[in-house]
Amino acid sequence: MMRYCFLLLLFVPFLAEAQISTLVTVRAKARDAKFIGSSIGGAHITIRDAATGTILAEGLTEGGTGNTSRIMSQPHNRYDQLSDVNTAFFRTDLMLEEPTFVTIEARGPVNYRQAQVVSSTQMWLIPGEDILDDGVVLEIPGFIIDILQPRTHQRLTLDSLHNRMLSVRANMVMMCGCTISDGGLWNAREIEVQAIIKRNGVIWRTIPMSIVEPNLFGMQTVVDDPGQYEVTVYAIDRRTANTGVDVVNFLIE
């Protein structure tokens, strides 16, 4: 019996060392922009065992969008770190027994479902080999677009429209929440924004939208007939392949 207990005591440290702490850092970065953090609701990160589908960890990126100059203006050399101590991230401490092949997914921005994008990658995690600094960076392409006018299911009358002019306005930002402005770092002049207007299910007009003030785009058109209307606002930056869409339906009586 004593010999059995002695062997068991020898075996316990081995069991304790079988699972090794492994820190994993994940960030989500908007394409041609900054990191997705708390100011836009963060990105939801999921780490799964690729073989079994078991979720090993999940949570939100939290923190700031990062240093604008470092990310957007300064030249980058190989191995340069883009993030700083305040840049949004998700970090987890996984207890791994052996090298594990995982799928790492970012879905965001969390608070803007109509604009959410999923980005993922796969890699091996090695027990005890922490992934720190920038960590795993997943790119989130696109724009966040919110049509502000007209409102969803709004009822208008021809007489209520000043000179029968229908106004369409939409708010648009980068996926990190960064500002789009006339001639700014994210230049509205370089982004095509259009409003596709349907009347009673048929495309009626497609009209360019222009910048009104930072993040706000608008256009006007004369309406001469009542009907069921739908407006699709889309944006595309052909240099980066960033795109975004929002849709509203409304009634003109």
Protein backbone atom coordinates (compact mmCIF):
# COMPACT_ATOMS: atom_id res chain seq x y z
CA MET A 1 0.00 0.00 0.00
CA MET A 2 2.81 2.41 0.88
CA ARG A 3 4.57 1.57 -2.37
CA TYR A 4 1.36 2.34 -4.29
CA CYS A 5 1.00 5.72 -2.54
CA PHE A 6 4.64 6.54 -3.31
CA LEU A 7 4.12 5.81 -7.01
CA LEU A 8 0.96 7.92 -7.02
CA LEU A 9 2.83 10.86 -5.48
CA LEU A 10 5.43 10.60 -8.22
CA PHE A 11 2.66 10.64 -10.82
CA VAL A 12 0.80 13.70 -9.46
CA PRO A 13 3.43 16.29 -10.49
CA PHE A 14 3.34 14.82 -13.98
CA LEU A 15 -0.41 15.37 -14.12
CA ALA A 16 -0.03 18.92 -12.87
CA GLU A 17 2.47 19.68 -15.62
CA ALA A 18 0.38 18.04 -18.36
CA GLN A 19 -1.60 21.24 -18.99
CA ILE A 20 0.54 24.27 -19.72
CA SER A 21 -0.57 27.91 -19.59
CA THR A 22 -0.58 29.53 -23.04
CA LEU A 23 -1.53 33.18 -23.54
CA VAL A 24 -3.17 34.04 -26.85
CA THR A 25 -3.77 37.62 -28.02
CA VAL A 26 -6.21 38.38 -30.83
CA ARG A 27 -7.01 41.73 -32.46
CA ALA A 28 -9.47 42.79 -35.16
CA LYS A 29 -8.37 45.54 -37.55
CA ALA A 30 -10.55 47.41 -40.00
CA ARG A 31 -9.24 47.23 -43.56
CA ASP A 32 -7.37 50.43 -44.47
CA ALA A 33 -8.10 51.75 -40.98
CA LYS A 34 -7.51 51.11 -37.29
CA PHE A 35 -8.34 48.48 -34.68
CA ILE A 36 -11.89 47.63 -33.64
CA GLY A 37 -12.34 48.44 -29.97
CA SER A 38 -14.72 49.56 -27.27
CA SER A 39 -15.83 52.76 -29.04
CA ILE A 40 -17.64 50.69 -31.69
CA GLY A 41 -18.65 47.79 -29.42
CA GLY A 42 -15.60 45.65 -30.10
CA ALA A 43 -15.29 42.49 -32.16
CA HIS A 44 -16.41 39.12 -30.83
CA ILE A 45 -13.52 36.66 -30.81
CA THR A 46 -13.97 32.89 -30.75
CA ILE A 47 -11.18 30.32 -30.51
CA ARG A 48 -12.24 26.75 -31.37
CA ASP A 49 -10.49 23.41 -31.48
CA ALA A 50 -10.51 22.88 -35.25
CA ALA A 51 -10.80 19.11 -34.93
CA THR A 52 -13.76 18.97 -32.53
CA GLY A 53 -15.39 22.40 -32.85
CA THR A 54 -15.14 22.87 -29.08
CA ILE A 55 -14.96 26.51 -28.04
CA LEU A 56 -11.77 27.03 -26.07
CA ALA A 57 -12.30 30.75 -25.41
CA GLU A 58 -14.45 33.67 -26.51
CA GLY A 59 -14.90 37.33 -25.68
CA LEU A 60 -14.73 40.90 -26.96
CA THR A 61 -11.82 43.04 -28.04
CA GLU A 62 -11.60 45.96 -25.64
CA GLY A 63 -9.55 49.14 -25.70
CA GLY A 64 -8.78 51.95 -28.12
CA THR A 65 -8.43 52.03 -31.90
CA GLY A 66 -4.68 52.54 -31.75
CA ASN A 67 -2.14 55.19 -32.72
CA THR A 68 -3.29 56.83 -35.96
CA SER A 69 0.16 57.94 -37.06
CA ARG A 70 1.77 54.57 -36.38
CA ILE A 71 -0.97 52.64 -38.16
CA MET A 72 -1.89 54.91 -41.06
CA SER A 73 1.05 57.25 -41.79
CA GLN A 74 4.41 55.85 -40.77
CA PRO A 75 6.21 53.37 -43.05
CA HIS A 76 6.21 49.85 -41.63
CA ASN A 77 9.22 47.58 -41.58
CA ARG A 78 9.13 43.84 -41.22
CA TYR A 79 8.22 42.79 -37.64
CA ASP A 80 7.15 46.33 -36.67
CA GLN A 81 4.40 46.32 -34.05
CA LEU A 82 1.30 48.34 -34.97
CA SER A 83 -0.45 48.16 -31.61
CA ASP A 84 0.43 49.86 -28.35
CA VAL A 85 -0.58 49.26 -24.73
CA ASN A 86 -3.95 50.97 -25.25
CA THR A 87 -4.92 49.22 -28.50
CA ALA A 88 -7.98 46.96 -28.32
CA PHE A 89 -7.38 43.24 -27.94
CA PHE A 90 -8.81 40.00 -26.62
CA ARG A 91 -6.48 37.81 -24.57
CA THR A 92 -7.07 34.41 -23.06
CA ASP A 93 -5.00 31.94 -21.04
CA LEU A 94 -5.49 28.48 -22.50
CA MET A 95 -4.36 25.35 -20.67
CA LEU A 96 -2.97 23.10 -23.40
CA GLU A 97 -1.73 19.54 -23.08
CA GLU A 98 -0.35 19.26 -26.61
CA PRO A 99 -0.06 21.27 -29.83
CA THR A 100 -3.62 22.16 -30.83
CA PHE A 101 -4.87 23.24 -34.25
CA VAL A 102 -7.43 26.01 -33.77
CA THR A 103 -9.81 28.22 -35.72
CA ILE A 104 -9.74 31.85 -34.59
CA GLU A 105 -12.70 33.98 -35.64
CA ALA A 106 -13.51 37.68 -35.30
CA ARG A 107 -17.05 39.00 -35.86
CA GLY A 108 -17.60 42.70 -35.77
CA PRO A 109 -18.35 45.40 -35.11
CA VAL A 110 -20.60 43.82 -32.48
CA ASN A 111 -23.05 46.73 -32.14
CA TYR A 112 -23.76 47.08 -35.88
CA ARG A 113 -25.39 43.87 -37.05
CA GLN A 114 -26.21 45.12 -40.55
CA ALA A 115 -22.49 45.77 -41.11
CA GLN A 116 -20.94 42.80 -39.28
CA VAL A 117 -18.23 40.82 -41.05
CA VAL A 118 -16.68 37.51 -40.01
CA SER A 119 -12.97 36.99 -40.53
CA SER A 120 -11.12 33.84 -39.51
CA THR A 121 -7.84 32.00 -39.70
CA GLN A 122 -6.37 28.71 -38.49
CA MET A 123 -3.09 27.97 -36.76
CA TRP A 124 -1.30 25.67 -34.37
CA LEU A 125 -1.06 26.70 -30.72
CA ILE A 126 1.95 25.26 -28.91
CA PRO A 127 1.73 24.71 -25.11
CA GLY A 128 3.67 27.38 -23.26
CA GLU A 129 4.39 29.46 -26.37
CA ASP A 130 2.54 32.72 -25.73
CA ILE A 131 1.22 34.87 -28.59
CA LEU A 132 1.63 38.47 -27.49
CA ASP A 133 2.43 41.92 -28.97
CA ASP A 134 0.16 42.42 -32.03
CA GLY A 135 -0.90 38.79 -31.66
CA VAL A 136 -3.21 37.29 -34.24
CA VAL A 137 -4.61 40.16 -36.31
CA LEU A 138 -7.81 39.49 -38.28
CA GLU A 139 -8.84 41.98 -40.96
CA ILE A 140 -12.42 43.26 -41.06
CA PRO A 141 -13.28 44.89 -44.43
CA GLY A 142 -16.16 47.26 -45.14
CA PHE A 143 -18.03 50.38 -44.05
CA ILE A 144 -20.76 50.90 -41.46
CA ILE A 145 -23.72 52.64 -43.15
CA ASP A 146 -26.87 53.84 -41.37
CA ILE A 147 -29.62 55.47 -43.42
CA LEU A 148 -30.98 58.32 -41.28
CA GLN A 149 -33.53 59.81 -43.69
CA PRO A 150 -36.07 58.65 -44.65
CA ARG A 151 -36.74 56.41 -41.67
CA THR A 152 -37.71 52.78 -41.94
CA HIS A 153 -41.46 52.44 -42.68
CA GLN A 154 -41.92 56.19 -42.52
CA ARG A 155 -45.15 57.49 -44.11
CA LEU A 156 -44.72 60.63 -46.19
CA THR A 157 -47.06 62.57 -48.45
CA LEU A 158 -46.19 64.35 -51.65
CA ASP A 159 -47.51 67.59 -50.14
CA SER A 160 -45.30 67.22 -47.08
CA LEU A 161 -42.14 67.15 -49.19
CA HIS A 162 -40.77 70.67 -49.76
CA ASN A 163 -41.03 71.26 -53.51
CA ARG A 164 -41.65 67.52 -53.70
CA MET A 165 -37.95 66.92 -52.98
CA LEU A 166 -37.10 63.61 -51.32
CA SER A 167 -33.97 63.83 -49.17
CA VAL A 168 -31.81 60.78 -48.46
CA ARG A 169 -29.15 61.01 -45.77
CA ALA A 170 -26.84 58.31 -44.49
CA ASN A 171 -24.16 58.16 -41.83
CA MET A 172 -21.03 56.23 -42.82
CA VAL A 173 -17.85 55.41 -40.91
CA MET A 174 -14.97 52.97 -41.21
CA MET A 175 -15.41 49.61 -39.46
CA CYS A 176 -13.37 50.92 -36.53
CA GLY A 177 -15.62 53.99 -36.27
CA CYS A 178 -13.00 56.25 -37.84
CA THR A 179 -14.24 59.45 -39.46
CA ILE A 180 -14.81 59.84 -43.20
CA SER A 181 -14.59 63.47 -44.30
CA ASP A 182 -14.01 65.70 -47.30
CA GLY A 183 -10.26 65.56 -47.98
CA GLY A 184 -9.53 63.80 -44.68
CA LEU A 185 -7.39 60.79 -43.90
CA TRP A 186 -10.35 58.68 -44.97
CA ASN A 187 -11.31 60.85 -47.91
CA ALA A 188 -14.97 60.98 -48.94
CA ARG A 189 -13.92 62.10 -52.41
CA GLU A 190 -12.29 58.72 -53.03
CA ILE A 191 -15.37 56.70 -52.05
CA GLU A 192 -18.31 56.17 -54.38
CA VAL A 193 -21.62 56.46 -52.52
CA GLN A 194 -24.89 55.92 -54.40
CA ALA A 195 -28.58 55.70 -53.55
CA ILE A 196 -30.58 53.15 -55.53
CA ILE A 197 -34.27 54.06 -55.30
CA LYS A 198 -37.00 51.53 -56.09
CA ARG A 199 -40.65 52.45 -56.54
CA ASN A 200 -43.17 49.62 -56.26
CA GLY A 201 -40.38 47.07 -56.59
CA VAL A 202 -38.78 48.52 -59.74
CA ILE A 203 -35.53 50.48 -59.84
CA TRP A 204 -36.56 54.08 -60.44
CA ARG A 205 -33.35 56.09 -60.05
CA THR A 206 -29.72 55.71 -59.02
CA ILE A 207 -28.30 58.97 -57.67
CA PRO A 208 -24.80 59.80 -56.38
CA MET A 209 -24.53 60.97 -52.78
CA SER A 210 -22.02 63.58 -51.64
CA ILE A 211 -20.45 64.44 -48.32
CA VAL A 212 -22.49 66.94 -46.27
CA GLU A 213 -20.36 66.95 -43.12
CA PRO A 214 -17.98 64.43 -41.58
CA ASN A 215 -19.55 60.94 -41.85
CA LEU A 216 -22.79 62.30 -43.34
CA PHE A 217 -23.72 61.81 -47.01
CA GLY A 218 -26.83 63.15 -48.73
CA MET A 219 -28.77 63.63 -51.95
CA GLN A 220 -32.15 65.00 -53.10
CA THR A 221 -34.47 64.11 -55.96
CA VAL A 222 -37.92 65.21 -57.12
CA VAL A 223 -40.72 62.72 -56.46
CA ASP A 224 -43.88 62.99 -58.56
CA ASP A 225 -45.78 59.80 -57.77
CA PRO A 226 -46.90 58.00 -54.60
CA GLY A 227 -45.96 54.39 -53.96
CA GLN A 228 -43.97 51.91 -51.94
CA TYR A 229 -40.34 53.05 -51.94
CA GLU A 230 -37.09 51.38 -51.07
CA VAL A 231 -33.69 53.05 -50.83
CA THR A 232 -30.43 51.10 -50.92
CA VAL A 233 -27.35 53.13 -50.08
CA TYR A 234 -24.08 51.52 -51.05
CA ALA A 235 -20.45 52.62 -50.83
CA ILE A 236 -17.31 51.28 -52.46
CA ASP A 237 -13.68 52.28 -52.30
CA ARG A 238 -12.14 50.59 -55.32
CA ARG A 239 -8.60 51.09 -54.03
CA THR A 240 -9.21 48.91 -50.99
CA ALA A 241 -12.34 46.91 -51.99
CA ASN A 242 -14.09 48.20 -48.89
CA THR A 243 -17.87 48.11 -49.39
CA GLY A 244 -20.99 48.75 -47.32
CA VAL A 245 -24.79 48.72 -47.73
CA ASP A 246 -27.91 49.74 -45.83
CA VAL A 247 -31.57 49.54 -46.94
CA VAL A 248 -34.81 51.22 -45.81
CA ASN A 249 -38.42 50.92 -46.97
CA PHE A 250 -40.96 53.74 -46.71
CA LEU A 251 -44.27 54.92 -48.15
CA ILE A 252 -45.15 58.07 -50.09
CA GLU A 253 -48.88 58.74 -50.31
